[in-house]
Structure formats: structure tokens, C-alpha cells
Amino acid sequence: MAKGKGFIAEFKKFIMRGNVIDLAVGVIIGGAFQKIVNSLVNDVVMPLISLITGGVDFNNWFLVLGEGDFATAADAKAAGVATLNYGTFIGTALDFLIMAFVIFVFIKIINTVSDKLKKEKPEEPAAPTTKVCPYCKSEIDIAATKCPHCTSEVE
């Protein structure tokens, strides 16, 4: 019985660690962020690309791997014919590139703001390692009690 309580306690300790909770929050925010980027791609970027390319819809770029001639990939799928949907792949690749770019810009902004908010501490000068003998003005070790040059007692 004691072994079971130890296992549960250890699991609870693992779950309550900061890293696990931070990871969970990151996954949740990442899921929400993905919806924003998907909307940006599907509702803003892809219509612009379609406008530039003369109304081409990437989702309807496909090759039929069987018999028949179909206007859309959905028609081919409904007929039970296999298709190679390379247009969907292009759209997904664009989604990835745009998401990577947005995350890059977001992190760059966060790092820039973070650097500006950090108060730069001026470098403290290093502790001196030498001192000057008050009698002969020679440079001697900081811990010396006698000057090696003039043999005077120094503080």
C-alpha cells in the first residue's frame, strides 16, 4: 500500500512541476494561435494568391490516379477514385511557412521588447590586483606587506 501512495505522490509532484504546466499552457495557446494563422492563410493570403494567379484554387489541383475525368477532388472522392492532391499539400506548406514566419516575427518582437526593458547594469570594475608603493612608487601585489623593490613596509 505504501508503494502505491508513493507512486501517486510522485505523479502528483511531476504534474505540478512548473515545466509541465508551462508546456500545457503552451500547447493550448498554440492551438488557439493555429486557428488565427489558419484564418489568416485561408481568409487573407490564399484569396490574394488566387487573385494574383487569376482565380486558381490550390485545393482543386490534383491528379486522378484512376479512370475518369473529374472537375474537383471532391467529385473524384465521391466516385471512389484515388487522387493525388498536390494543391492541398501546397496550401498546407504555405500554412506552415506563414505560421513559422508569424512565430518568428512574434518572438523577435518579444525579444526586442525584453531587451529594452532589461536595465543594463554597468560593468563593475574588477577588483584591483596591484597597488603602488608609497615610497618608491613601484607597482606591487595587493597583498604585499613589504615592497620587493625598496623593502619598505607597506599597508
N, C-alpha and C. Protein backbone atom coordinates (compact mmCIF):
# COMPACT_ATOMS: atom_id res chain seq x y z
N MET A 1 0.81 -1.19 0.00
CA MET A 1 0.00 0.00 0.00
C MET A 1 0.86 1.26 0.00
N ALA A 2 1.92 1.25 0.77
CA ALA A 2 2.77 2.44 0.86
C ALA A 2 3.40 2.74 -0.50
N LYS A 3 3.67 1.68 -1.27
CA LYS A 3 4.26 1.87 -2.58
C LYS A 3 3.30 2.62 -3.51
N GLY A 4 2.01 2.31 -3.46
CA GLY A 4 1.01 2.98 -4.28
C GLY A 4 0.90 4.45 -3.94
N LYS A 5 0.91 4.78 -2.66
CA LYS A 5 0.84 6.18 -2.26
C LYS A 5 2.08 6.92 -2.74
N GLY A 6 3.22 6.28 -2.70
CA GLY A 6 4.44 6.91 -3.19
C GLY A 6 4.39 7.19 -4.68
N PHE A 7 3.85 6.25 -5.43
CA PHE A 7 3.73 6.42 -6.87
C PHE A 7 2.79 7.57 -7.20
N ILE A 8 1.64 7.61 -6.54
CA ILE A 8 0.65 8.68 -6.78
C ILE A 8 1.23 10.02 -6.36
N ALA A 9 1.91 10.05 -5.22
CA ALA A 9 2.52 11.30 -4.76
C ALA A 9 3.59 11.77 -5.75
N GLU A 10 4.36 10.82 -6.26
CA GLU A 10 5.40 11.17 -7.23
C GLU A 10 4.77 11.68 -8.52
N PHE A 11 3.68 11.05 -8.96
CA PHE A 11 2.98 11.50 -10.16
C PHE A 11 2.41 12.91 -9.96
N LYS A 12 1.82 13.13 -8.80
CA LYS A 12 1.26 14.46 -8.49
C LYS A 12 2.37 15.51 -8.49
N LYS A 13 3.51 15.17 -7.92
CA LYS A 13 4.65 16.08 -7.90
C LYS A 13 5.11 16.38 -9.32
N PHE A 14 5.13 15.35 -10.18
CA PHE A 14 5.53 15.53 -11.58
C PHE A 14 4.57 16.46 -12.31
N ILE A 15 3.28 16.24 -12.13
CA ILE A 15 2.27 17.05 -12.82
C ILE A 15 2.32 18.51 -12.36
N MET A 16 2.60 18.74 -11.12
CA MET A 16 2.57 20.09 -10.57
C MET A 16 3.88 20.86 -10.82
N ARG A 17 4.85 20.23 -11.46
CA ARG A 17 6.09 20.94 -11.77
C ARG A 17 5.80 22.07 -12.73
N GLY A 18 6.55 23.11 -12.64
CA GLY A 18 6.35 24.27 -13.49
C GLY A 18 6.49 23.96 -14.97
N ASN A 19 7.44 23.11 -15.33
CA ASN A 19 7.67 22.82 -16.75
C ASN A 19 6.47 22.15 -17.39
N VAL A 20 5.84 21.23 -16.69
CA VAL A 20 4.69 20.51 -17.25
C VAL A 20 3.52 21.47 -17.44
N ILE A 21 3.29 22.32 -16.46
CA ILE A 21 2.18 23.28 -16.56
C ILE A 21 2.47 24.29 -17.66
N ASP A 22 3.71 24.76 -17.75
CA ASP A 22 4.08 25.69 -18.82
C ASP A 22 3.87 25.05 -20.19
N LEU A 23 4.24 23.79 -20.32
CA LEU A 23 4.06 23.08 -21.58
C LEU A 23 2.58 22.97 -21.93
N ALA A 24 1.75 22.65 -20.94
CA ALA A 24 0.31 22.53 -21.18
C ALA A 24 -0.27 23.87 -21.64
N VAL A 25 0.13 24.94 -20.99
CA VAL A 25 -0.35 26.27 -21.39
C VAL A 25 0.12 26.59 -22.81
N GLY A 26 1.37 26.25 -23.12
CA GLY A 26 1.91 26.49 -24.47
C GLY A 26 1.14 25.74 -25.54
N VAL A 27 0.77 24.49 -25.25
CA VAL A 27 0.01 23.69 -26.22
C VAL A 27 -1.37 24.31 -26.45
N ILE A 28 -2.02 24.74 -25.38
CA ILE A 28 -3.35 25.34 -25.51
C ILE A 28 -3.28 26.64 -26.30
N ILE A 29 -2.32 27.49 -25.97
CA ILE A 29 -2.17 28.75 -26.70
C ILE A 29 -1.78 28.47 -28.15
N GLY A 30 -0.92 27.47 -28.37
CA GLY A 30 -0.53 27.10 -29.73
C GLY A 30 -1.72 26.66 -30.56
N GLY A 31 -2.64 25.92 -29.96
CA GLY A 31 -3.85 25.50 -30.67
C GLY A 31 -4.71 26.70 -31.07
N ALA A 32 -4.84 27.63 -30.15
CA ALA A 32 -5.62 28.84 -30.46
C ALA A 32 -4.90 29.68 -31.52
N PHE A 33 -3.58 29.76 -31.41
CA PHE A 33 -2.80 30.53 -32.37
C PHE A 33 -2.89 29.91 -33.76
N GLN A 34 -2.96 28.59 -33.82
CA GLN A 34 -3.08 27.91 -35.11
C GLN A 34 -4.37 28.31 -35.81
N LYS A 35 -5.44 28.47 -35.05
CA LYS A 35 -6.71 28.91 -35.66
C LYS A 35 -6.57 30.30 -36.27
N ILE A 36 -5.84 31.18 -35.59
CA ILE A 36 -5.63 32.54 -36.10
C ILE A 36 -4.83 32.48 -37.40
N VAL A 37 -3.75 31.71 -37.40
CA VAL A 37 -2.92 31.61 -38.60
C VAL A 37 -3.69 30.95 -39.74
N ASN A 38 -4.46 29.91 -39.44
CA ASN A 38 -5.27 29.27 -40.48
C ASN A 38 -6.24 30.27 -41.08
N SER A 39 -6.85 31.09 -40.25
CA SER A 39 -7.76 32.10 -40.76
C SER A 39 -7.00 33.11 -41.63
N LEU A 40 -5.82 33.51 -41.18
CA LEU A 40 -5.01 34.44 -41.97
C LEU A 40 -4.70 33.84 -43.34
N VAL A 41 -4.32 32.57 -43.35
CA VAL A 41 -3.98 31.92 -44.62
C VAL A 41 -5.21 31.75 -45.50
N ASN A 42 -6.27 31.17 -44.94
CA ASN A 42 -7.46 30.84 -45.74
C ASN A 42 -8.29 32.06 -46.12
N ASP A 43 -8.33 33.07 -45.26
CA ASP A 43 -9.22 34.21 -45.50
C ASP A 43 -8.52 35.44 -46.05
N VAL A 44 -7.19 35.50 -45.95
CA VAL A 44 -6.48 36.69 -46.43
C VAL A 44 -5.45 36.32 -47.50
N VAL A 45 -4.52 35.43 -47.18
CA VAL A 45 -3.40 35.15 -48.09
C VAL A 45 -3.86 34.38 -49.32
N MET A 46 -4.58 33.28 -49.11
CA MET A 46 -4.98 32.45 -50.26
C MET A 46 -5.90 33.20 -51.23
N PRO A 47 -6.85 34.01 -50.78
CA PRO A 47 -7.62 34.79 -51.76
C PRO A 47 -6.73 35.76 -52.56
N LEU A 48 -5.72 36.35 -51.89
CA LEU A 48 -4.80 37.23 -52.62
C LEU A 48 -4.00 36.46 -53.64
N ILE A 49 -3.53 35.28 -53.27
CA ILE A 49 -2.78 34.44 -54.22
C ILE A 49 -3.70 34.01 -55.36
N SER A 50 -4.92 33.68 -55.04
CA SER A 50 -5.90 33.30 -56.06
C SER A 50 -6.16 34.47 -57.01
N LEU A 51 -6.23 35.69 -56.46
CA LEU A 51 -6.43 36.88 -57.29
C LEU A 51 -5.24 37.10 -58.22
N ILE A 52 -4.04 36.92 -57.67
CA ILE A 52 -2.82 37.11 -58.46
C ILE A 52 -2.70 36.05 -59.55
N THR A 53 -3.09 34.82 -59.22
CA THR A 53 -2.96 33.72 -60.19
C THR A 53 -4.19 33.59 -61.08
N GLY A 54 -5.13 34.52 -61.00
CA GLY A 54 -6.30 34.50 -61.89
C GLY A 54 -7.41 33.58 -61.41
N GLY A 55 -7.61 33.48 -60.13
CA GLY A 55 -8.71 32.70 -59.58
C GLY A 55 -8.41 31.23 -59.37
N VAL A 56 -7.15 30.87 -59.37
CA VAL A 56 -6.78 29.47 -59.19
C VAL A 56 -6.97 29.08 -57.72
N ASP A 57 -7.63 27.95 -57.52
CA ASP A 57 -7.83 27.42 -56.16
C ASP A 57 -6.90 26.23 -55.99
N PHE A 58 -5.93 26.35 -55.09
CA PHE A 58 -4.96 25.28 -54.89
C PHE A 58 -5.62 23.96 -54.50
N ASN A 59 -6.73 24.02 -53.79
CA ASN A 59 -7.39 22.80 -53.34
C ASN A 59 -7.93 21.96 -54.49
N ASN A 60 -8.06 22.56 -55.66
CA ASN A 60 -8.53 21.80 -56.81
C ASN A 60 -7.40 21.42 -57.77
N TRP A 61 -6.19 21.49 -57.28
CA TRP A 61 -5.06 20.98 -58.06
C TRP A 61 -4.84 19.55 -57.63
N PHE A 62 -5.11 18.61 -58.52
CA PHE A 62 -4.98 17.20 -58.18
C PHE A 62 -4.78 16.38 -59.44
N LEU A 63 -4.26 15.19 -59.23
CA LEU A 63 -4.12 14.24 -60.33
C LEU A 63 -5.00 13.03 -60.02
N VAL A 64 -5.74 12.59 -61.00
CA VAL A 64 -6.58 11.41 -60.83
C VAL A 64 -5.70 10.18 -61.03
N LEU A 65 -5.74 9.26 -60.06
CA LEU A 65 -4.92 8.05 -60.12
C LEU A 65 -5.72 6.85 -60.60
N GLY A 66 -6.84 7.10 -61.18
CA GLY A 66 -7.67 6.02 -61.69
C GLY A 66 -8.32 6.45 -63.00
N GLU A 67 -9.42 5.82 -63.30
CA GLU A 67 -10.15 6.13 -64.54
C GLU A 67 -11.15 7.25 -64.28
N GLY A 68 -11.30 8.11 -65.25
CA GLY A 68 -12.32 9.15 -65.17
C GLY A 68 -11.74 10.54 -65.26
N ASP A 69 -12.66 11.50 -65.48
CA ASP A 69 -12.30 12.91 -65.57
C ASP A 69 -13.20 13.66 -64.60
N PHE A 70 -12.60 14.33 -63.63
CA PHE A 70 -13.37 14.98 -62.58
C PHE A 70 -12.97 16.44 -62.48
N ALA A 71 -13.96 17.29 -62.21
CA ALA A 71 -13.71 18.73 -62.11
C ALA A 71 -13.07 19.09 -60.78
N THR A 72 -13.42 18.39 -59.72
CA THR A 72 -12.87 18.69 -58.39
C THR A 72 -12.41 17.39 -57.73
N ALA A 73 -11.56 17.55 -56.74
CA ALA A 73 -11.10 16.39 -55.97
C ALA A 73 -12.26 15.77 -55.20
N ALA A 74 -13.21 16.61 -54.78
CA ALA A 74 -14.37 16.10 -54.06
C ALA A 74 -15.21 15.19 -54.96
N ASP A 75 -15.36 15.55 -56.24
CA ASP A 75 -16.10 14.71 -57.19
C ASP A 75 -15.41 13.35 -57.36
N ALA A 76 -14.10 13.37 -57.48
CA ALA A 76 -13.34 12.12 -57.63
C ALA A 76 -13.47 11.27 -56.37
N LYS A 77 -13.41 11.90 -55.21
CA LYS A 77 -13.54 11.16 -53.95
C LYS A 77 -14.92 10.55 -53.84
N ALA A 78 -15.95 11.31 -54.26
CA ALA A 78 -17.32 10.79 -54.21
C ALA A 78 -17.49 9.59 -55.14
N ALA A 79 -16.74 9.59 -56.25
CA ALA A 79 -16.82 8.47 -57.19
C ALA A 79 -15.93 7.30 -56.75
N GLY A 80 -15.19 7.49 -55.67
CA GLY A 80 -14.33 6.43 -55.16
C GLY A 80 -13.02 6.29 -55.90
N VAL A 81 -12.60 7.32 -56.60
CA VAL A 81 -11.35 7.29 -57.37
C VAL A 81 -10.26 7.96 -56.54
N ALA A 82 -9.09 7.33 -56.50
CA ALA A 82 -7.96 7.89 -55.76
C ALA A 82 -7.40 9.10 -56.50
N THR A 83 -6.98 10.09 -55.72
CA THR A 83 -6.38 11.30 -56.29
C THR A 83 -5.11 11.66 -55.54
N LEU A 84 -4.21 12.32 -56.24
CA LEU A 84 -3.01 12.87 -55.64
C LEU A 84 -3.26 14.37 -55.51
N ASN A 85 -3.54 14.83 -54.29
CA ASN A 85 -3.96 16.20 -54.04
C ASN A 85 -2.76 17.10 -53.74
N TYR A 86 -1.97 17.39 -54.75
CA TYR A 86 -0.77 18.20 -54.54
C TYR A 86 -1.11 19.66 -54.24
N GLY A 87 -2.25 20.13 -54.67
CA GLY A 87 -2.68 21.50 -54.35
C GLY A 87 -2.93 21.68 -52.86
N THR A 88 -3.54 20.67 -52.25
CA THR A 88 -3.77 20.71 -50.80
C THR A 88 -2.44 20.72 -50.07
N PHE A 89 -1.47 19.96 -50.59
CA PHE A 89 -0.13 19.96 -49.99
C PHE A 89 0.50 21.34 -50.09
N ILE A 90 0.37 21.99 -51.24
CA ILE A 90 0.93 23.34 -51.42
C ILE A 90 0.28 24.30 -50.41
N GLY A 91 -1.03 24.20 -50.25
CA GLY A 91 -1.72 25.05 -49.28
C GLY A 91 -1.24 24.81 -47.86
N THR A 92 -1.04 23.52 -47.52
CA THR A 92 -0.56 23.18 -46.18
C THR A 92 0.87 23.67 -45.98
N ALA A 93 1.69 23.55 -47.01
CA ALA A 93 3.07 24.05 -46.92
C ALA A 93 3.08 25.56 -46.74
N LEU A 94 2.20 26.26 -47.46
CA LEU A 94 2.09 27.71 -47.27
C LEU A 94 1.62 28.04 -45.86
N ASP A 95 0.67 27.27 -45.34
CA ASP A 95 0.22 27.46 -43.95
C ASP A 95 1.42 27.37 -43.00
N PHE A 96 2.24 26.35 -43.20
CA PHE A 96 3.40 26.15 -42.34
C PHE A 96 4.37 27.32 -42.44
N LEU A 97 4.69 27.73 -43.67
CA LEU A 97 5.65 28.82 -43.85
C LEU A 97 5.13 30.12 -43.24
N ILE A 98 3.86 30.39 -43.42
CA ILE A 98 3.29 31.61 -42.86
C ILE A 98 3.28 31.53 -41.34
N MET A 99 2.92 30.36 -40.79
CA MET A 99 2.92 30.20 -39.34
C MET A 99 4.34 30.36 -38.79
N ALA A 100 5.32 29.76 -39.44
CA ALA A 100 6.70 29.89 -39.00
C ALA A 100 7.15 31.34 -39.05
N PHE A 101 6.77 32.06 -40.11
CA PHE A 101 7.14 33.47 -40.22
C PHE A 101 6.48 34.30 -39.14
N VAL A 102 5.20 34.07 -38.89
CA VAL A 102 4.48 34.83 -37.86
C VAL A 102 5.10 34.56 -36.48
N ILE A 103 5.42 33.31 -36.20
CA ILE A 103 6.03 32.97 -34.91
C ILE A 103 7.41 33.63 -34.81
N PHE A 104 8.19 33.62 -35.90
CA PHE A 104 9.49 34.27 -35.91
C PHE A 104 9.36 35.76 -35.59
N VAL A 105 8.43 36.44 -36.26
CA VAL A 105 8.23 37.87 -36.02
C VAL A 105 7.77 38.11 -34.58
N PHE A 106 6.85 37.27 -34.10
CA PHE A 106 6.34 37.40 -32.74
C PHE A 106 7.47 37.25 -31.72
N ILE A 107 8.30 36.24 -31.87
CA ILE A 107 9.42 36.01 -30.94
C ILE A 107 10.43 37.15 -31.05
N LYS A 108 10.68 37.63 -32.26
CA LYS A 108 11.62 38.74 -32.45
C LYS A 108 11.12 39.99 -31.73
N ILE A 109 9.84 40.27 -31.82
CA ILE A 109 9.27 41.42 -31.12
C ILE A 109 9.39 41.24 -29.61
N ILE A 110 9.07 40.05 -29.12
CA ILE A 110 9.17 39.79 -27.69
C ILE A 110 10.61 39.96 -27.21
N ASN A 111 11.57 39.44 -27.96
CA ASN A 111 12.98 39.57 -27.57
C ASN A 111 13.43 41.03 -27.59
N THR A 112 12.99 41.79 -28.58
CA THR A 112 13.36 43.20 -28.66
C THR A 112 12.80 43.98 -27.48
N VAL A 113 11.52 43.75 -27.18
CA VAL A 113 10.90 44.43 -26.04
C VAL A 113 11.57 44.01 -24.74
N SER A 114 11.85 42.73 -24.61
CA SER A 114 12.51 42.22 -23.41
C SER A 114 13.88 42.84 -23.23
N ASP A 115 14.64 42.96 -24.31
CA ASP A 115 15.97 43.57 -24.22
C ASP A 115 15.88 45.04 -23.82
N LYS A 116 14.88 45.75 -24.33
CA LYS A 116 14.72 47.16 -23.99
C LYS A 116 14.28 47.34 -22.54
N LEU A 117 13.50 46.40 -22.03
CA LEU A 117 13.02 46.51 -20.66
C LEU A 117 14.08 46.14 -19.64
N LYS A 118 15.04 45.33 -20.06
CA LYS A 118 16.11 44.96 -19.13
C LYS A 118 16.95 46.19 -18.85
N LYS A 119 17.16 46.43 -17.61
CA LYS A 119 18.03 47.54 -17.24
C LYS A 119 19.46 47.04 -17.28
N GLU A 120 20.21 47.63 -18.17
CA GLU A 120 21.59 47.19 -18.30
C GLU A 120 22.39 47.70 -17.11
N LYS A 121 23.01 46.78 -16.43
CA LYS A 121 23.85 47.14 -15.31
C LYS A 121 25.24 47.47 -15.85
N PRO A 122 25.78 48.60 -15.42
CA PRO A 122 27.14 48.90 -15.88
C PRO A 122 28.10 47.88 -15.28
N GLU A 123 29.07 47.51 -16.08
CA GLU A 123 30.04 46.54 -15.60
C GLU A 123 30.83 47.13 -14.45
N GLU A 124 30.88 46.38 -13.37
CA GLU A 124 31.66 46.83 -12.24
C GLU A 124 33.13 46.57 -12.54
N PRO A 125 33.97 47.54 -12.21
CA PRO A 125 35.39 47.31 -12.48
C PRO A 125 35.91 46.15 -11.63
N ALA A 126 36.84 45.43 -12.19
CA ALA A 126 37.42 44.29 -11.48
C ALA A 126 38.19 44.79 -10.26
N ALA A 127 38.20 43.97 -9.24
CA ALA A 127 38.93 44.34 -8.03
C ALA A 127 40.41 44.48 -8.38
N PRO A 128 41.05 45.52 -7.83
CA PRO A 128 42.46 45.72 -8.16
C PRO A 128 43.32 44.56 -7.65
N THR A 129 44.34 44.23 -8.42
CA THR A 129 45.25 43.15 -8.03
C THR A 129 46.62 43.69 -7.65
N THR A 130 46.81 44.99 -7.87
CA THR A 130 48.09 45.61 -7.52
C THR A 130 47.86 46.92 -6.80
N LYS A 131 48.92 47.42 -6.14
CA LYS A 131 48.89 48.74 -5.50
C LYS A 131 50.25 49.38 -5.72
N VAL A 132 50.34 50.67 -5.41
CA VAL A 132 51.59 51.40 -5.62
C VAL A 132 52.27 51.60 -4.27
N CYS A 133 53.53 51.31 -4.23
CA CYS A 133 54.33 51.53 -3.00
C CYS A 133 54.40 53.03 -2.76
N PRO A 134 54.04 53.48 -1.54
CA PRO A 134 54.05 54.93 -1.27
C PRO A 134 55.47 55.52 -1.23
N TYR A 135 56.50 54.70 -1.16
CA TYR A 135 57.87 55.20 -1.04
C TYR A 135 58.58 55.27 -2.39
N CYS A 136 58.59 54.16 -3.12
CA CYS A 136 59.33 54.14 -4.39
C CYS A 136 58.42 54.22 -5.61
N LYS A 137 57.12 54.23 -5.37
CA LYS A 137 56.11 54.34 -6.42
C LYS A 137 56.11 53.17 -7.41
N SER A 138 56.65 52.04 -7.00
CA SER A 138 56.61 50.83 -7.83
C SER A 138 55.27 50.12 -7.66
N GLU A 139 54.88 49.40 -8.68
CA GLU A 139 53.64 48.63 -8.61
C GLU A 139 53.94 47.29 -7.96
N ILE A 140 53.14 46.99 -6.90
CA ILE A 140 53.36 45.73 -6.18
C ILE A 140 52.04 45.00 -6.01
N ASP A 141 52.12 43.72 -5.63
CA ASP A 141 50.92 42.91 -5.41
C ASP A 141 50.07 43.51 -4.31
N ILE A 142 48.76 43.40 -4.44
CA ILE A 142 47.82 43.99 -3.48
C ILE A 142 47.99 43.41 -2.08
N ALA A 143 48.42 42.16 -1.97
CA ALA A 143 48.55 41.52 -0.66
C ALA A 143 49.93 41.71 -0.03
N ALA A 144 50.85 42.37 -0.74
CA ALA A 144 52.22 42.53 -0.23
C ALA A 144 52.23 43.43 1.00
N THR A 145 53.06 43.08 1.98
CA THR A 145 53.25 43.91 3.18
C THR A 145 54.62 44.59 3.15
N LYS A 146 55.50 44.14 2.26
CA LYS A 146 56.82 44.74 2.06
C LYS A 146 57.02 44.95 0.57
N CYS A 147 57.56 46.07 0.20
CA CYS A 147 57.83 46.36 -1.20
C CYS A 147 59.04 45.55 -1.64
N PRO A 148 58.93 44.77 -2.73
CA PRO A 148 60.07 43.97 -3.16
C PRO A 148 61.18 44.85 -3.80
N HIS A 149 60.85 46.08 -4.13
CA HIS A 149 61.83 46.95 -4.78
C HIS A 149 62.67 47.75 -3.77
N CYS A 150 61.97 48.37 -2.77
CA CYS A 150 62.69 49.21 -1.82
C CYS A 150 62.68 48.64 -0.41
N THR A 151 62.06 47.51 -0.21
CA THR A 151 61.93 46.77 1.06
C THR A 151 61.26 47.58 2.18
N SER A 152 60.47 48.57 1.81
CA SER A 152 59.74 49.35 2.81
C SER A 152 58.50 48.57 3.25
N GLU A 153 58.09 48.82 4.49
CA GLU A 153 56.83 48.25 4.98
C GLU A 153 55.68 49.03 4.37
N VAL A 154 54.68 48.32 3.78
CA VAL A 154 53.51 48.97 3.19
C VAL A 154 52.24 48.40 3.83
N GLU A 155 51.22 49.18 3.82
CA GLU A 155 49.95 48.74 4.41
C GLU A 155 49.15 47.91 3.48
